[in-house]
Every structure is written in structure tokens, then in C-alpha cells.
C-alpha atoms as a PDB file:
ATOM      1  CA  MET A   1       4.390  15.809  -1.107  1.00  0.00           C
ATOM      2  CA  ALA A   2       5.497  13.429   1.552  1.00  0.00           C
ATOM      3  CA  SER A   3       8.255  13.967   3.841  1.00  0.00           C
ATOM      4  CA  ALA A   4      10.315  11.482   6.322  1.00  0.00           C
ATOM      5  CA  ASP A   5      13.097  11.692   8.709  1.00  0.00           C
ATOM      6  CA  HIS A   6      12.532  15.050  10.294  1.00  0.00           C
ATOM      7  CA  SER A   7      12.035  16.520   6.488  1.00  0.00           C
ATOM      8  CA  GLU A   8      15.186  15.434   5.303  1.00  0.00           C
ATOM      9  CA  VAL A   9      13.776  13.420   2.794  1.00  0.00           C
ATOM     10  CA  LEU A  10      11.081  14.958   0.773  1.00  0.00           C
ATOM     11  CA  ALA A  11       9.195  13.129  -2.232  1.00  0.00           C
ATOM     12  CA  ASP A  12       7.087  15.441  -4.756  1.00  0.00           C
ATOM     13  CA  THR A  13       4.230  14.349  -6.747  1.00  0.00           C
ATOM     14  CA  PRO A  14       4.678  11.431  -8.929  1.00  0.00           C
ATOM     15  CA  HIS A  15       4.670  11.884 -12.798  1.00  0.00           C
ATOM     16  CA  ARG A  16       3.545   9.341 -15.268  1.00  0.00           C
ATOM     17  CA  LEU A  17       6.143   8.739 -18.221  1.00  0.00           C
ATOM     18  CA  PRO A  18       5.857   6.781 -21.262  1.00  0.00           C
ATOM     19  CA  TYR A  19       6.394   2.947 -21.274  1.00  0.00           C
ATOM     20  CA  MET A  20       4.325   2.696 -18.160  1.00  0.00           C
ATOM     21  CA  LEU A  21       7.305   4.159 -16.071  1.00  0.00           C
ATOM     22  CA  LEU A  22       6.507   6.235 -12.853  1.00  0.00           C
ATOM     23  CA  GLN A  23       9.164   9.030 -12.120  1.00  0.00           C
ATOM     24  CA  VAL A  24       9.050  10.210  -8.219  1.00  0.00           C
ATOM     25  CA  PRO A  25      11.296  13.209  -7.681  1.00  0.00           C
ATOM     26  CA  PHE A  26      12.630  13.552  -4.409  1.00  0.00           C
ATOM     27  CA  THR A  27      15.421  15.581  -2.302  1.00  0.00           C
ATOM     28  CA  ILE A  28      17.691  14.508   0.455  1.00  0.00           C
ATOM     29  CA  THR A  29      18.699  17.016   2.783  1.00  0.00           C
ATOM     30  CA  ASN A  30      21.494  16.461   5.478  1.00  0.00           C
ATOM     31  CA  ASN A  31      20.792  18.976   8.401  1.00  0.00           C
ATOM     32  CA  SER A  32      23.326  17.363  10.438  1.00  0.00           C
ATOM     33  CA  HIS A  33      27.131  18.485  10.819  1.00  0.00           C
ATOM     34  CA  GLU A  34      27.980  14.927  10.264  1.00  0.00           C
ATOM     35  CA  THR A  35      27.965  12.567   7.353  1.00  0.00           C
ATOM     36  CA  ALA A  36      24.726  10.646   6.837  1.00  0.00           C
ATOM     37  CA  MET A  37      23.584   7.641   4.959  1.00  0.00           C
ATOM     38  CA  ARG A  38      20.069   7.323   3.842  1.00  0.00           C
ATOM     39  CA  SER A  39      18.025   4.641   2.064  1.00  0.00           C
ATOM     40  CA  VAL A  40      14.751   5.677   0.407  1.00  0.00           C
ATOM     41  CA  TYR A  41      12.118   3.234  -0.395  1.00  0.00           C
ATOM     42  CA  PHE A  42       8.544   4.051  -2.157  1.00  0.00           C
ATOM     43  CA  THR A  43       5.508   2.122  -1.824  1.00  0.00           C
ATOM     44  CA  VAL A  44       3.237   3.257  -4.632  1.00  0.00           C
ATOM     45  CA  GLU A  45      -0.530   2.403  -4.501  1.00  0.00           C
ATOM     46  CA  ILE A  46      -2.795   2.577  -7.700  1.00  0.00           C
ATOM     47  CA  ILE A  47      -6.202   4.074  -7.124  1.00  0.00           C
ATOM     48  CA  GLY A  48      -9.087   4.830  -9.466  1.00  0.00           C
ATOM     49  CA  GLU A  49      -8.768   3.814 -13.216  1.00  0.00           C
ATOM     50  CA  GLY A  50      -6.212   1.273 -14.038  1.00  0.00           C
ATOM     51  CA  ALA A  51      -6.191  -0.120 -10.448  1.00  0.00           C
ATOM     52  CA  ALA A  52      -7.592  -3.511 -11.241  1.00  0.00           C
ATOM     53  CA  ARG A  53      -4.687  -4.227 -13.826  1.00  0.00           C
ATOM     54  CA  THR A  54      -2.106  -7.006 -12.570  1.00  0.00           C
ATOM     55  CA  SER A  55       0.807  -5.308 -13.858  1.00  0.00           C
ATOM     56  CA  PHE A  56       2.495  -2.008 -14.793  1.00  0.00           C
END
């Protein structure tokens, strides 16, 4: 699990899906009394088997 912005954005363990897709479940919680806008960007690093492949 990874978190950002004072734990308001939580990303859980990625899951590999069919057709070379990767699903990253995440939750965004607004702990403020005001409306907030969030942008979430994921960087995926492939380690181990398959890391040498040029496309996924």
C-alpha cells in the first residue's frame, strides 16, 4: 500500500488482469471541510520476470 497527501490518497496492491492490463485500486478521502480536487498519477516499475520486455 502506498499513500500520499497526508494519507488522503491510498493505493492498494496492483492486480494483473487478462490482456496485459494492470489494475491499481485506490481510495481518495477528503479530510477537509472544503471541496478538494485531486489528480492521481501512477508510475509502475516492473521488476523480475518480464522486466526486460519492451512493451506491456
